[in-house]
Amino acid sequence: MMKILLISEFPKGSLGLSYYNAFKQIGCDVSRFDLVKEYQSINPFAKYKYVNWILDNFFCSVLNSKLLERVKALNPELVFVIKGIFISPQTLKKVKELNNIVLINFNPDNPFNLNRGASNNLIRSAIPYYDCYFTWGKFLVPQLKSAGAKCVEYLPFAYDPTLHYPMNISNDEKNIYGSDIAFIGSWDKEREECLEQVQSYDIAIWGNSWEKLKTGSPLRRKWKERDVIGEDFAKVCSASKIILNLVRKQNDNAHNMRTFEIPACKGFMLTVRTVEQCEFFEEGKDISCFEDPNELKVKIDEFLKNENAIERFKMEANKKVQVHTYFERAKRILEVYRNLKAL
């Protein structure tokens, strides 16, 4: 039984938990190291936004020592890191010196995005120390190679069948979770500007940070003031006619997690048009796409008048998404691991 140490964070609905379950399903012996919980356990100031950088560096050093001791005690064949916030290049170098352990990273963000929270210098400086660096965006492959990555592999996002599946909902649930249009995701300026163009429709916004909306924004009354994950996410997808997917500009022509999660829940996805999404799904048959707010409004009007078409799209996309599970992605990671070991 292959021994894996998975380094991530593991709250409900997280990528870390989905990969943990996928590797277990394959039959691997998987142990977890929760970077965020471990950091919070040693840093009493972790909940505060601004901390003296000297203290922060000290607590990161303690965390890295703790991680290294865990690796030594476990002696895994593969250390699989998701993103790797707090992990120093020096720690990765020491891990590599232990019994020829293979180090693989999957970064669900853009490591070159300088926005706070998306990446940091540790993440970028660690890139050359991994045996393989997986990325969800093809546009990031040449950038990662230029940053010193030894090996770069494209690995799209996926969906977790334990979280994302069609749900039968009651009339009461439809009243709670349903609307003509739903958007599930966190706030940013571009999303606010886009949704303001369609605020006259029956639209519901689910997600975090929408308190940042402009004062007096008509979207404030559309926000449900909470996020939805797991069953609640699936209920919104089942209860609403149209699910908007506003792929962020930083994702370029790629995709996001919603690309697979919405069809898996048998929701009808109306999404920003990107090259990669149209490689996974056929536009005009499985999903519908838009380029700008004007095209978005045209598509909304078109589909709200034709709910039979919505049902056809739902069925086709749900059939096509079945191969895009984290179980399949985990198998691909292990295939790359075996290839690296054979070198």
C-alpha atoms as a PDB file:
ATOM      1  CA  MET A   1       0.000   0.000   0.000  1.00  0.00           C
ATOM      2  CA  MET A   2       1.505   3.293  -1.133  1.00  0.00           C
ATOM      3  CA  LYS A   3       2.169   5.758   1.687  1.00  0.00           C
ATOM      4  CA  ILE A   4       1.301   9.415   1.018  1.00  0.00           C
ATOM      5  CA  LEU A   5       1.591  12.509   3.187  1.00  0.00           C
ATOM      6  CA  LEU A   6      -0.957  15.076   2.014  1.00  0.00           C
ATOM      7  CA  ILE A   7      -0.178  18.654   3.066  1.00  0.00           C
ATOM      8  CA  SER A   8      -3.068  21.077   2.774  1.00  0.00           C
ATOM      9  CA  GLU A   9      -6.022  22.306   4.815  1.00  0.00           C
ATOM     10  CA  PHE A  10      -9.070  20.098   5.233  1.00  0.00           C
ATOM     11  CA  PRO A  11     -12.331  21.904   6.041  1.00  0.00           C
ATOM     12  CA  LYS A  12     -15.591  20.575   4.599  1.00  0.00           C
ATOM     13  CA  GLY A  13     -15.740  21.156   0.864  1.00  0.00           C
ATOM     14  CA  SER A  14     -11.996  21.757   0.541  1.00  0.00           C
ATOM     15  CA  LEU A  15      -9.726  20.547  -2.227  1.00  0.00           C
ATOM     16  CA  GLY A  16      -7.512  18.918   0.401  1.00  0.00           C
ATOM     17  CA  LEU A  17     -10.363  16.770   1.694  1.00  0.00           C
ATOM     18  CA  SER A  18     -11.456  15.794  -1.826  1.00  0.00           C
ATOM     19  CA  TYR A  19      -7.938  14.616  -2.715  1.00  0.00           C
ATOM     20  CA  TYR A  20      -7.573  12.858   0.631  1.00  0.00           C
ATOM     21  CA  ASN A  21     -10.741  10.855  -0.057  1.00  0.00           C
ATOM     22  CA  ALA A  22      -9.714  10.184  -3.669  1.00  0.00           C
ATOM     23  CA  PHE A  23      -6.319   8.730  -2.693  1.00  0.00           C
ATOM     24  CA  LYS A  24      -8.018   6.636   0.013  1.00  0.00           C
ATOM     25  CA  GLN A  25     -10.510   5.366  -2.569  1.00  0.00           C
ATOM     26  CA  ILE A  26      -7.618   4.266  -4.786  1.00  0.00           C
ATOM     27  CA  GLY A  27      -6.236   2.292  -1.849  1.00  0.00           C
ATOM     28  CA  CYS A  28      -3.359   4.476  -0.667  1.00  0.00           C
ATOM     29  CA  ASP A  29      -2.300   4.868   2.955  1.00  0.00           C
ATOM     30  CA  VAL A  30      -2.838   8.627   3.331  1.00  0.00           C
ATOM     31  CA  SER A  31      -1.816  10.798   6.278  1.00  0.00           C
ATOM     32  CA  ARG A  32      -2.689  14.471   6.603  1.00  0.00           C
ATOM     33  CA  PHE A  33      -0.757  17.530   7.743  1.00  0.00           C
ATOM     34  CA  ASP A  34      -3.108  20.497   8.104  1.00  0.00           C
ATOM     35  CA  LEU A  35      -0.933  23.541   7.464  1.00  0.00           C
ATOM     36  CA  VAL A  36      -3.465  26.091   8.644  1.00  0.00           C
ATOM     37  CA  LYS A  37      -4.474  24.303  11.852  1.00  0.00           C
ATOM     38  CA  GLU A  38      -0.851  23.555  12.703  1.00  0.00           C
ATOM     39  CA  TYR A  39       0.118  27.185  12.117  1.00  0.00           C
ATOM     40  CA  GLN A  40      -2.766  28.430  14.240  1.00  0.00           C
ATOM     41  CA  SER A  41      -1.797  26.030  17.032  1.00  0.00           C
ATOM     42  CA  ILE A  42       1.683  27.561  17.335  1.00  0.00           C
ATOM     43  CA  ASN A  43       0.868  31.194  16.508  1.00  0.00           C
ATOM     44  CA  PRO A  44      -1.439  32.878  19.052  1.00  0.00           C
ATOM     45  CA  PHE A  45      -1.659  35.906  16.743  1.00  0.00           C
ATOM     46  CA  ALA A  46      -2.763  33.933  13.656  1.00  0.00           C
ATOM     47  CA  LYS A  47      -6.309  35.320  13.698  1.00  0.00           C
ATOM     48  CA  TYR A  48      -5.052  38.886  13.384  1.00  0.00           C
ATOM     49  CA  LYS A  49      -4.654  40.359   9.907  1.00  0.00           C
ATOM     50  CA  TYR A  50      -1.409  42.189  10.556  1.00  0.00           C
ATOM     51  CA  VAL A  51       1.421  40.573  12.510  1.00  0.00           C
ATOM     52  CA  ASN A  52       5.010  41.722  12.992  1.00  0.00           C
ATOM     53  CA  TRP A  53       6.980  40.045  10.187  1.00  0.00           C
ATOM     54  CA  ILE A  54       9.719  38.909  12.598  1.00  0.00           C
ATOM     55  CA  LEU A  55       7.136  37.035  14.693  1.00  0.00           C
ATOM     56  CA  ASP A  56       5.526  35.651  11.544  1.00  0.00           C
ATOM     57  CA  ASN A  57       8.872  34.324  10.301  1.00  0.00           C
ATOM     58  CA  PHE A  58       9.535  32.754  13.693  1.00  0.00           C
ATOM     59  CA  PHE A  59       6.217  30.889  13.713  1.00  0.00           C
ATOM     60  CA  CYS A  60       6.755  29.766  10.094  1.00  0.00           C
ATOM     61  CA  SER A  61      10.145  28.372  11.114  1.00  0.00           C
ATOM     62  CA  VAL A  62       8.542  26.415  13.977  1.00  0.00           C
ATOM     63  CA  LEU A  63       5.878  25.099  11.595  1.00  0.00           C
ATOM     64  CA  ASN A  64       8.495  23.961   9.072  1.00  0.00           C
ATOM     65  CA  SER A  65      10.414  22.117  11.795  1.00  0.00           C
ATOM     66  CA  LYS A  66       7.198  20.403  12.861  1.00  0.00           C
ATOM     67  CA  LEU A  67       6.460  19.403   9.271  1.00  0.00           C
ATOM     68  CA  LEU A  68       9.952  17.995   8.767  1.00  0.00           C
ATOM     69  CA  GLU A  69       9.633  15.891  11.926  1.00  0.00           C
ATOM     70  CA  ARG A  70       6.311  14.549  10.657  1.00  0.00           C
ATOM     71  CA  VAL A  71       7.882  13.544   7.346  1.00  0.00           C
ATOM     72  CA  LYS A  72      10.757  11.805   9.136  1.00  0.00           C
ATOM     73  CA  ALA A  73       8.367   9.892  11.401  1.00  0.00           C
ATOM     74  CA  LEU A  74       6.046   8.837   8.581  1.00  0.00           C
ATOM     75  CA  ASN A  75       8.636   8.185   5.845  1.00  0.00           C
ATOM     76  CA  PRO A  76       6.122   8.448   2.965  1.00  0.00           C
ATOM     77  CA  GLU A  77       6.856   7.562  -0.647  1.00  0.00           C
ATOM     78  CA  LEU A  78       5.055  10.672  -1.887  1.00  0.00           C
ATOM     79  CA  VAL A  79       4.586  14.073  -0.279  1.00  0.00           C
ATOM     80  CA  PHE A  80       1.703  15.789  -2.069  1.00  0.00           C
ATOM     81  CA  VAL A  81       1.378  19.492  -1.307  1.00  0.00           C
ATOM     82  CA  ILE A  82      -1.657  21.570  -2.198  1.00  0.00           C
ATOM     83  CA  LYS A  83      -0.447  25.156  -2.682  1.00  0.00           C
ATOM     84  CA  GLY A  84       2.105  25.032   0.153  1.00  0.00           C
ATOM     85  CA  ILE A  85       1.549  28.260   2.033  1.00  0.00           C
ATOM     86  CA  PHE A  86       4.146  28.582   4.855  1.00  0.00           C
ATOM     87  CA  ILE A  87       6.457  25.847   3.439  1.00  0.00           C
ATOM     88  CA  SER A  88      10.033  27.042   2.880  1.00  0.00           C
ATOM     89  CA  PRO A  89      12.379  25.886   0.096  1.00  0.00           C
ATOM     90  CA  GLN A  90      14.857  24.803   2.790  1.00  0.00           C
ATOM     91  CA  THR A  91      12.294  22.394   4.237  1.00  0.00           C
ATOM     92  CA  LEU A  92      11.557  20.930   0.807  1.00  0.00           C
ATOM     93  CA  LYS A  93      15.282  20.475   0.197  1.00  0.00           C
ATOM     94  CA  LYS A  94      15.605  18.568   3.486  1.00  0.00           C
ATOM     95  CA  VAL A  95      12.585  16.407   2.622  1.00  0.00           C
ATOM     96  CA  LYS A  96      14.228  15.476  -0.686  1.00  0.00           C
ATOM     97  CA  GLU A  97      17.281  14.225   1.204  1.00  0.00           C
ATOM     98  CA  LEU A  98      15.165  11.693   3.114  1.00  0.00           C
ATOM     99  CA  ASN A  99      14.985   8.315   1.321  1.00  0.00           C
ATOM    100  CA  ASN A 100      14.446   9.859  -2.107  1.00  0.00           C
ATOM    101  CA  ILE A 101      10.891  11.013  -1.338  1.00  0.00           C
ATOM    102  CA  VAL A 102       8.972  12.359  -4.348  1.00  0.00           C
ATOM    103  CA  LEU A 103       7.620  15.895  -3.879  1.00  0.00           C
ATOM    104  CA  ILE A 104       4.596  16.957  -5.934  1.00  0.00           C
ATOM    105  CA  ASN A 105       2.635  20.210  -5.751  1.00  0.00           C
ATOM    106  CA  PHE A 106      -0.785  21.158  -7.051  1.00  0.00           C
ATOM    107  CA  ASN A 107      -1.453  24.868  -6.751  1.00  0.00           C
ATOM    108  CA  PRO A 108      -5.160  25.759  -7.122  1.00  0.00           C
ATOM    109  CA  ASP A 109      -4.248  29.448  -7.456  1.00  0.00           C
ATOM    110  CA  ASN A 110      -1.981  31.380  -9.777  1.00  0.00           C
ATOM    111  CA  PRO A 111       1.404  31.499  -7.985  1.00  0.00           C
ATOM    112  CA  PHE A 112       2.303  34.643  -9.933  1.00  0.00           C
ATOM    113  CA  ASN A 113      -0.804  36.548  -8.834  1.00  0.00           C
ATOM    114  CA  LEU A 114       0.430  39.259  -6.473  1.00  0.00           C
ATOM    115  CA  ASN A 115      -2.965  39.870  -4.844  1.00  0.00           C
ATOM    116  CA  ARG A 116      -2.924  39.299  -1.085  1.00  0.00           C
ATOM    117  CA  GLY A 117      -3.861  35.710  -0.218  1.00  0.00           C
ATOM    118  CA  ALA A 118      -3.413  34.266  -3.708  1.00  0.00           C
ATOM    119  CA  SER A 119       0.332  33.642  -3.408  1.00  0.00           C
ATOM    120  CA  ASN A 120       3.491  34.743  -1.619  1.00  0.00           C
ATOM    121  CA  ASN A 121       7.268  34.720  -1.994  1.00  0.00           C
ATOM    122  CA  LEU A 122       7.613  31.357  -0.226  1.00  0.00           C
ATOM    123  CA  ILE A 123       5.255  29.697  -2.705  1.00  0.00           C
ATOM    124  CA  ARG A 124       7.084  31.166  -5.705  1.00  0.00           C
ATOM    125  CA  SER A 125      10.597  30.477  -4.392  1.00  0.00           C
ATOM    126  CA  ALA A 126       9.644  26.848  -3.653  1.00  0.00           C
ATOM    127  CA  ILE A 127       8.655  26.052  -7.256  1.00  0.00           C
ATOM    128  CA  PRO A 128      12.081  24.599  -8.322  1.00  0.00           C
ATOM    129  CA  TYR A 129      12.193  22.209  -5.347  1.00  0.00           C
ATOM    130  CA  TYR A 130       9.245  20.047  -6.391  1.00  0.00           C
ATOM    131  CA  ASP A 131       9.770  17.008  -8.602  1.00  0.00           C
ATOM    132  CA  CYS A 132       6.575  17.956 -10.404  1.00  0.00           C
ATOM    133  CA  TYR A 133       4.342  21.009 -10.274  1.00  0.00           C
ATOM    134  CA  PHE A 134       0.737  20.487 -11.363  1.00  0.00           C
ATOM    135  CA  THR A 135      -1.311  23.432 -12.573  1.00  0.00           C
ATOM    136  CA  TRP A 136      -4.961  23.850 -13.578  1.00  0.00           C
ATOM    137  CA  GLY A 137      -4.210  26.431 -16.291  1.00  0.00           C
ATOM    138  CA  LYS A 138      -2.362  25.732 -19.523  1.00  0.00           C
ATOM    139  CA  PHE A 139      -1.318  29.392 -19.668  1.00  0.00           C
ATOM    140  CA  LEU A 140       0.671  28.880 -16.448  1.00  0.00           C
ATOM    141  CA  VAL A 141       2.840  26.052 -17.820  1.00  0.00           C
ATOM    142  CA  PRO A 142       5.488  28.262 -19.528  1.00  0.00           C
ATOM    143  CA  GLN A 143       5.537  30.658 -16.558  1.00  0.00           C
ATOM    144  CA  LEU A 144       6.202  27.798 -14.132  1.00  0.00           C
ATOM    145  CA  LYS A 145       8.998  26.481 -16.342  1.00  0.00           C
ATOM    146  CA  SER A 146      10.544  29.957 -16.445  1.00  0.00           C
ATOM    147  CA  ALA A 147      10.337  30.056 -12.634  1.00  0.00           C
ATOM    148  CA  GLY A 148      12.515  26.940 -12.457  1.00  0.00           C
ATOM    149  CA  ALA A 149       9.999  24.093 -12.235  1.00  0.00           C
ATOM    150  CA  LYS A 150      11.683  20.758 -13.048  1.00  0.00           C
ATOM    151  CA  CYS A 151       8.519  19.241 -14.462  1.00  0.00           C
ATOM    152  CA  VAL A 152       5.125  20.855 -15.100  1.00  0.00           C
ATOM    153  CA  GLU A 153       1.907  18.943 -15.741  1.00  0.00           C
ATOM    154  CA  TYR A 154      -1.536  20.241 -16.625  1.00  0.00           C
ATOM    155  CA  LEU A 155      -4.195  18.967 -14.207  1.00  0.00           C
ATOM    156  CA  PRO A 156      -7.685  20.458 -14.468  1.00  0.00           C
ATOM    157  CA  PHE A 157      -9.982  20.925 -11.531  1.00  0.00           C
ATOM    158  CA  ALA A 158     -12.736  18.339 -11.059  1.00  0.00           C
ATOM    159  CA  TYR A 159     -15.712  17.568  -8.842  1.00  0.00           C
ATOM    160  CA  ASP A 160     -16.199  15.467  -5.730  1.00  0.00           C
ATOM    161  CA  PRO A 161     -19.137  13.017  -6.061  1.00  0.00           C
ATOM    162  CA  THR A 162     -19.605  13.055  -2.274  1.00  0.00           C
ATOM    163  CA  LEU A 163     -20.312  16.809  -2.458  1.00  0.00           C
ATOM    164  CA  HIS A 164     -21.556  17.519  -5.961  1.00  0.00           C
ATOM    165  CA  TYR A 165     -24.532  15.514  -7.188  1.00  0.00           C
ATOM    166  CA  PRO A 166     -28.120  16.156  -8.356  1.00  0.00           C
ATOM    167  CA  MET A 167     -30.591  16.598  -5.512  1.00  0.00           C
ATOM    168  CA  ASN A 168     -34.319  16.113  -5.258  1.00  0.00           C
ATOM    169  CA  ILE A 169     -35.605  19.137  -3.394  1.00  0.00           C
ATOM    170  CA  SER A 170     -38.876  19.871  -1.638  1.00  0.00           C
ATOM    171  CA  ASN A 171     -41.088  22.881  -2.365  1.00  0.00           C
ATOM    172  CA  ASP A 172     -39.900  24.466   0.868  1.00  0.00           C
ATOM    173  CA  GLU A 173     -36.261  24.008  -0.198  1.00  0.00           C
ATOM    174  CA  LYS A 174     -37.055  25.458  -3.613  1.00  0.00           C
ATOM    175  CA  ASN A 175     -38.396  28.578  -1.903  1.00  0.00           C
ATOM    176  CA  ILE A 176     -35.198  28.859   0.154  1.00  0.00           C
ATOM    177  CA  TYR A 177     -32.598  27.998  -2.481  1.00  0.00           C
ATOM    178  CA  GLY A 178     -34.330  28.722  -5.777  1.00  0.00           C
ATOM    179  CA  SER A 179     -34.250  31.715  -8.125  1.00  0.00           C
ATOM    180  CA  ASP A 180     -34.252  32.322 -11.862  1.00  0.00           C
ATOM    181  CA  ILE A 181     -30.517  33.054 -11.711  1.00  0.00           C
ATOM    182  CA  ALA A 182     -27.971  32.162  -9.031  1.00  0.00           C
ATOM    183  CA  PHE A 183     -24.346  33.101  -8.601  1.00  0.00           C
ATOM    184  CA  ILE A 184     -22.244  31.142  -6.095  1.00  0.00           C
ATOM    185  CA  GLY A 185     -18.868  32.681  -5.350  1.00  0.00           C
ATOM    186  CA  SER A 186     -16.984  35.389  -3.514  1.00  0.00           C
ATOM    187  CA  TRP A 187     -17.032  39.085  -4.310  1.00  0.00           C
ATOM    188  CA  ASP A 188     -14.644  40.934  -6.536  1.00  0.00           C
ATOM    189  CA  LYS A 189     -14.970  44.236  -8.384  1.00  0.00           C
ATOM    190  CA  GLU A 190     -15.418  42.685 -11.837  1.00  0.00           C
ATOM    191  CA  ARG A 191     -18.114  40.303 -10.587  1.00  0.00           C
ATOM    192  CA  GLU A 192     -19.956  43.176  -8.940  1.00  0.00           C
ATOM    193  CA  GLU A 193     -19.870  45.167 -12.182  1.00  0.00           C
ATOM    194  CA  CYS A 194     -21.141  42.195 -14.198  1.00  0.00           C
ATOM    195  CA  LEU A 195     -23.975  41.312 -11.818  1.00  0.00           C
ATOM    196  CA  GLU A 196     -25.101  44.941 -11.617  1.00  0.00           C
ATOM    197  CA  GLN A 197     -25.967  44.632 -15.317  1.00  0.00           C
ATOM    198  CA  VAL A 198     -28.495  41.869 -14.544  1.00  0.00           C
ATOM    199  CA  GLN A 199     -29.756  43.045 -11.138  1.00  0.00           C
ATOM    200  CA  SER A 200     -33.282  43.590 -12.521  1.00  0.00           C
ATOM    201  CA  TYR A 201     -33.745  39.807 -12.846  1.00  0.00           C
ATOM    202  CA  ASP A 202     -34.709  37.369 -10.087  1.00  0.00           C
ATOM    203  CA  ILE A 203     -31.116  36.716  -9.050  1.00  0.00           C
ATOM    204  CA  ALA A 204     -29.624  35.327  -5.828  1.00  0.00           C
ATOM    205  CA  ILE A 205     -25.999  35.799  -4.776  1.00  0.00           C
ATOM    206  CA  TRP A 206     -24.419  33.213  -2.478  1.00  0.00           C
ATOM    207  CA  GLY A 207     -20.880  33.634  -1.200  1.00  0.00           C
ATOM    208  CA  ASN A 208     -18.443  35.551   0.949  1.00  0.00           C
ATOM    209  CA  SER A 209     -17.188  39.148   1.057  1.00  0.00           C
ATOM    210  CA  TRP A 210     -20.213  40.702  -0.646  1.00  0.00           C
ATOM    211  CA  GLU A 211     -20.358  43.205   2.217  1.00  0.00           C
ATOM    212  CA  LYS A 212     -17.732  44.991   0.081  1.00  0.00           C
ATOM    213  CA  LEU A 213     -20.463  46.005  -2.370  1.00  0.00           C
ATOM    214  CA  LYS A 214     -20.702  49.724  -3.022  1.00  0.00           C
ATOM    215  CA  THR A 215     -22.940  51.597  -0.610  1.00  0.00           C
ATOM    216  CA  GLY A 216     -26.433  51.653  -2.056  1.00  0.00           C
ATOM    217  CA  SER A 217     -25.726  48.876  -4.566  1.00  0.00           C
ATOM    218  CA  PRO A 218     -28.953  47.185  -5.757  1.00  0.00           C
ATOM    219  CA  LEU A 219     -27.119  43.867  -5.353  1.00  0.00           C
ATOM    220  CA  ARG A 220     -27.201  44.139  -1.559  1.00  0.00           C
ATOM    221  CA  ARG A 221     -30.781  42.888  -1.449  1.00  0.00           C
ATOM    222  CA  LYS A 222     -29.816  39.989  -3.740  1.00  0.00           C
ATOM    223  CA  TRP A 223     -27.051  38.690  -1.454  1.00  0.00           C
ATOM    224  CA  LYS A 224     -28.050  35.813   0.832  1.00  0.00           C
ATOM    225  CA  GLU A 225     -25.273  36.746   3.304  1.00  0.00           C
ATOM    226  CA  ARG A 226     -23.732  33.280   3.372  1.00  0.00           C
ATOM    227  CA  ASP A 227     -21.804  30.784   1.315  1.00  0.00           C
ATOM    228  CA  VAL A 228     -23.129  27.392   0.225  1.00  0.00           C
ATOM    229  CA  ILE A 229     -21.038  24.206   0.125  1.00  0.00           C
ATOM    230  CA  GLY A 230     -21.832  20.513  -0.100  1.00  0.00           C
ATOM    231  CA  GLU A 231     -25.563  19.770   0.009  1.00  0.00           C
ATOM    232  CA  ASP A 232     -26.494  23.454   0.090  1.00  0.00           C
ATOM    233  CA  PHE A 233     -24.467  24.091  -3.082  1.00  0.00           C
ATOM    234  CA  ALA A 234     -26.230  21.175  -4.784  1.00  0.00           C
ATOM    235  CA  LYS A 235     -29.621  22.482  -3.631  1.00  0.00           C
ATOM    236  CA  VAL A 236     -28.983  25.899  -5.183  1.00  0.00           C
ATOM    237  CA  CYS A 237     -27.955  24.231  -8.460  1.00  0.00           C
ATOM    238  CA  SER A 238     -31.075  22.047  -8.446  1.00  0.00           C
ATOM    239  CA  ALA A 239     -33.512  24.766  -7.363  1.00  0.00           C
ATOM    240  CA  SER A 240     -32.353  27.555  -9.702  1.00  0.00           C
ATOM    241  CA  LYS A 241     -32.939  27.784 -13.440  1.00  0.00           C
ATOM    242  CA  ILE A 242     -29.593  29.335 -14.424  1.00  0.00           C
ATOM    243  CA  ILE A 243     -26.268  29.134 -12.558  1.00  0.00           C
ATOM    244  CA  LEU A 244     -23.794  31.835 -13.545  1.00  0.00           C
ATOM    245  CA  ASN A 245     -20.091  31.025 -13.616  1.00  0.00           C
ATOM    246  CA  LEU A 246     -18.051  34.230 -13.586  1.00  0.00           C
ATOM    247  CA  VAL A 247     -14.527  32.992 -14.271  1.00  0.00           C
ATOM    248  CA  ARG A 248     -12.044  35.501 -12.868  1.00  0.00           C
ATOM    249  CA  LYS A 249      -9.781  37.469 -15.218  1.00  0.00           C
ATOM    250  CA  GLN A 250      -6.733  35.955 -13.496  1.00  0.00           C
ATOM    251  CA  ASN A 251      -7.878  32.535 -14.777  1.00  0.00           C
ATOM    252  CA  ASP A 252      -7.271  33.773 -18.316  1.00  0.00           C
ATOM    253  CA  ASN A 253      -8.740  31.372 -20.916  1.00  0.00           C
ATOM    254  CA  ALA A 254      -8.790  28.454 -18.489  1.00  0.00           C
ATOM    255  CA  HIS A 255     -11.562  27.326 -16.138  1.00  0.00           C
ATOM    256  CA  ASN A 256     -12.391  27.132 -12.438  1.00  0.00           C
ATOM    257  CA  MET A 257     -13.783  24.633  -9.938  1.00  0.00           C
ATOM    258  CA  ARG A 258     -17.367  25.621 -10.763  1.00  0.00           C
ATOM    259  CA  THR A 259     -16.761  24.470 -14.347  1.00  0.00           C
ATOM    260  CA  PHE A 260     -17.240  20.885 -13.150  1.00  0.00           C
ATOM    261  CA  GLU A 261     -19.182  21.324  -9.907  1.00  0.00           C
ATOM    262  CA  ILE A 262     -22.245  22.949 -11.501  1.00  0.00           C
ATOM    263  CA  PRO A 263     -22.810  20.249 -14.180  1.00  0.00           C
ATOM    264  CA  ALA A 264     -22.112  17.539 -11.575  1.00  0.00           C
ATOM    265  CA  CYS A 265     -25.061  18.897  -9.562  1.00  0.00           C
ATOM    266  CA  LYS A 266     -27.078  18.958 -12.791  1.00  0.00           C
ATOM    267  CA  GLY A 267     -27.231  22.718 -12.812  1.00  0.00           C
ATOM    268  CA  PHE A 268     -27.510  24.673 -16.051  1.00  0.00           C
ATOM    269  CA  MET A 269     -24.255  26.610 -16.439  1.00  0.00           C
ATOM    270  CA  LEU A 270     -24.152  29.973 -18.173  1.00  0.00           C
ATOM    271  CA  THR A 271     -20.483  30.897 -18.072  1.00  0.00           C
ATOM    272  CA  VAL A 272     -17.900  33.372 -19.247  1.00  0.00           C
ATOM    273  CA  ARG A 273     -16.602  31.976 -22.549  1.00  0.00           C
ATOM    274  CA  THR A 274     -13.103  30.471 -22.217  1.00  0.00           C
ATOM    275  CA  VAL A 275     -11.094  28.163 -24.449  1.00  0.00           C
ATOM    276  CA  GLU A 276     -10.597  25.414 -21.866  1.00  0.00           C
ATOM    277  CA  GLN A 277     -14.235  25.262 -20.796  1.00  0.00           C
ATOM    278  CA  CYS A 278     -15.219  24.776 -24.414  1.00  0.00           C
ATOM    279  CA  GLU A 279     -12.740  21.883 -24.599  1.00  0.00           C
ATOM    280  CA  PHE A 280     -14.465  20.119 -21.699  1.00  0.00           C
ATOM    281  CA  PHE A 281     -18.020  20.907 -22.802  1.00  0.00           C
ATOM    282  CA  GLU A 282     -19.656  21.733 -26.114  1.00  0.00           C
ATOM    283  CA  GLU A 283     -20.985  25.274 -26.227  1.00  0.00           C
ATOM    284  CA  GLY A 284     -24.589  25.346 -27.367  1.00  0.00           C
ATOM    285  CA  LYS A 285     -25.191  21.754 -26.310  1.00  0.00           C
ATOM    286  CA  ASP A 286     -23.769  21.172 -22.816  1.00  0.00           C
ATOM    287  CA  ILE A 287     -23.190  24.726 -21.596  1.00  0.00           C
ATOM    288  CA  SER A 288     -23.984  28.235 -22.746  1.00  0.00           C
ATOM    289  CA  CYS A 289     -21.387  31.021 -22.796  1.00  0.00           C
ATOM    290  CA  PHE A 290     -21.223  34.796 -22.943  1.00  0.00           C
ATOM    291  CA  GLU A 291     -18.551  37.374 -23.723  1.00  0.00           C
ATOM    292  CA  ASP A 292     -19.976  40.547 -22.171  1.00  0.00           C
ATOM    293  CA  PRO A 293     -23.007  41.790 -20.194  1.00  0.00           C
ATOM    294  CA  ASN A 294     -25.037  42.404 -23.355  1.00  0.00           C
ATOM    295  CA  GLU A 295     -24.624  38.813 -24.536  1.00  0.00           C
ATOM    296  CA  LEU A 296     -25.314  37.632 -20.984  1.00  0.00           C
ATOM    297  CA  LYS A 297     -28.697  39.407 -20.944  1.00  0.00           C
ATOM    298  CA  VAL A 298     -29.584  38.005 -24.365  1.00  0.00           C
ATOM    299  CA  LYS A 299     -28.789  34.466 -23.177  1.00  0.00           C
ATOM    300  CA  ILE A 300     -30.731  34.904 -19.925  1.00  0.00           C
ATOM    301  CA  ASP A 301     -33.832  36.099 -21.789  1.00  0.00           C
ATOM    302  CA  GLU A 302     -33.490  33.285 -24.309  1.00  0.00           C
ATOM    303  CA  PHE A 303     -33.283  30.503 -21.723  1.00  0.00           C
ATOM    304  CA  LEU A 304     -35.870  31.837 -19.281  1.00  0.00           C
ATOM    305  CA  LYS A 305     -38.346  31.563 -22.165  1.00  0.00           C
ATOM    306  CA  ASN A 306     -37.235  27.995 -22.968  1.00  0.00           C
ATOM    307  CA  GLU A 307     -36.985  25.805 -19.881  1.00  0.00           C
ATOM    308  CA  ASN A 308     -37.028  22.667 -22.046  1.00  0.00           C
ATOM    309  CA  ALA A 309     -33.686  23.773 -23.477  1.00  0.00           C
ATOM    310  CA  ILE A 310     -32.364  24.264 -19.942  1.00  0.00           C
ATOM    311  CA  GLU A 311     -33.275  20.668 -19.097  1.00  0.00           C
ATOM    312  CA  ARG A 312     -31.539  19.364 -22.242  1.00  0.00           C
ATOM    313  CA  PHE A 313     -28.352  21.274 -21.408  1.00  0.00           C
ATOM    314  CA  LYS A 314     -28.417  19.963 -17.830  1.00  0.00           C
ATOM    315  CA  MET A 315     -28.670  16.358 -18.976  1.00  0.00           C
ATOM    316  CA  GLU A 316     -25.915  16.641 -21.591  1.00  0.00           C
ATOM    317  CA  ALA A 317     -23.445  18.427 -19.312  1.00  0.00           C
ATOM    318  CA  ASN A 318     -24.090  16.012 -16.454  1.00  0.00           C
ATOM    319  CA  LYS A 319     -23.323  13.045 -18.726  1.00  0.00           C
ATOM    320  CA  LYS A 320     -20.110  14.628 -19.959  1.00  0.00           C
ATOM    321  CA  VAL A 321     -18.813  15.656 -16.516  1.00  0.00           C
ATOM    322  CA  GLN A 322     -18.778  12.101 -15.134  1.00  0.00           C
ATOM    323  CA  VAL A 323     -15.133  11.501 -16.142  1.00  0.00           C
ATOM    324  CA  HIS A 324     -13.939  14.649 -14.356  1.00  0.00           C
ATOM    325  CA  THR A 325     -13.741  13.441 -10.747  1.00  0.00           C
ATOM    326  CA  TYR A 326     -10.953  13.922  -8.220  1.00  0.00           C
ATOM    327  CA  PHE A 327     -10.602  10.140  -8.237  1.00  0.00           C
ATOM    328  CA  GLU A 328      -9.515  10.369 -11.899  1.00  0.00           C
ATOM    329  CA  ARG A 329      -7.225  13.318 -11.142  1.00  0.00           C
ATOM    330  CA  ALA A 330      -5.612  11.390  -8.261  1.00  0.00           C
ATOM    331  CA  LYS A 331      -4.951   8.471 -10.617  1.00  0.00           C
ATOM    332  CA  ARG A 332      -3.173  10.875 -12.974  1.00  0.00           C
ATOM    333  CA  ILE A 333      -1.009  12.185 -10.111  1.00  0.00           C
ATOM    334  CA  LEU A 334       0.021   8.638  -9.218  1.00  0.00           C
ATOM    335  CA  GLU A 335       0.801   7.910 -12.871  1.00  0.00           C
ATOM    336  CA  VAL A 336       3.188  10.881 -12.926  1.00  0.00           C
ATOM    337  CA  TYR A 337       4.655   9.722  -9.600  1.00  0.00           C
ATOM    338  CA  ARG A 338       5.439   6.297 -11.101  1.00  0.00           C
ATOM    339  CA  ASN A 339       7.032   7.927 -14.151  1.00  0.00           C
ATOM    340  CA  LEU A 340       9.242  10.068 -11.905  1.00  0.00           C
ATOM    341  CA  LYS A 341      10.330   7.029  -9.899  1.00  0.00           C
ATOM    342  CA  ALA A 342      11.240   5.221 -13.117  1.00  0.00           C
ATOM    343  CA  LEU A 343      13.675   7.940 -14.203  1.00  0.00           C
END
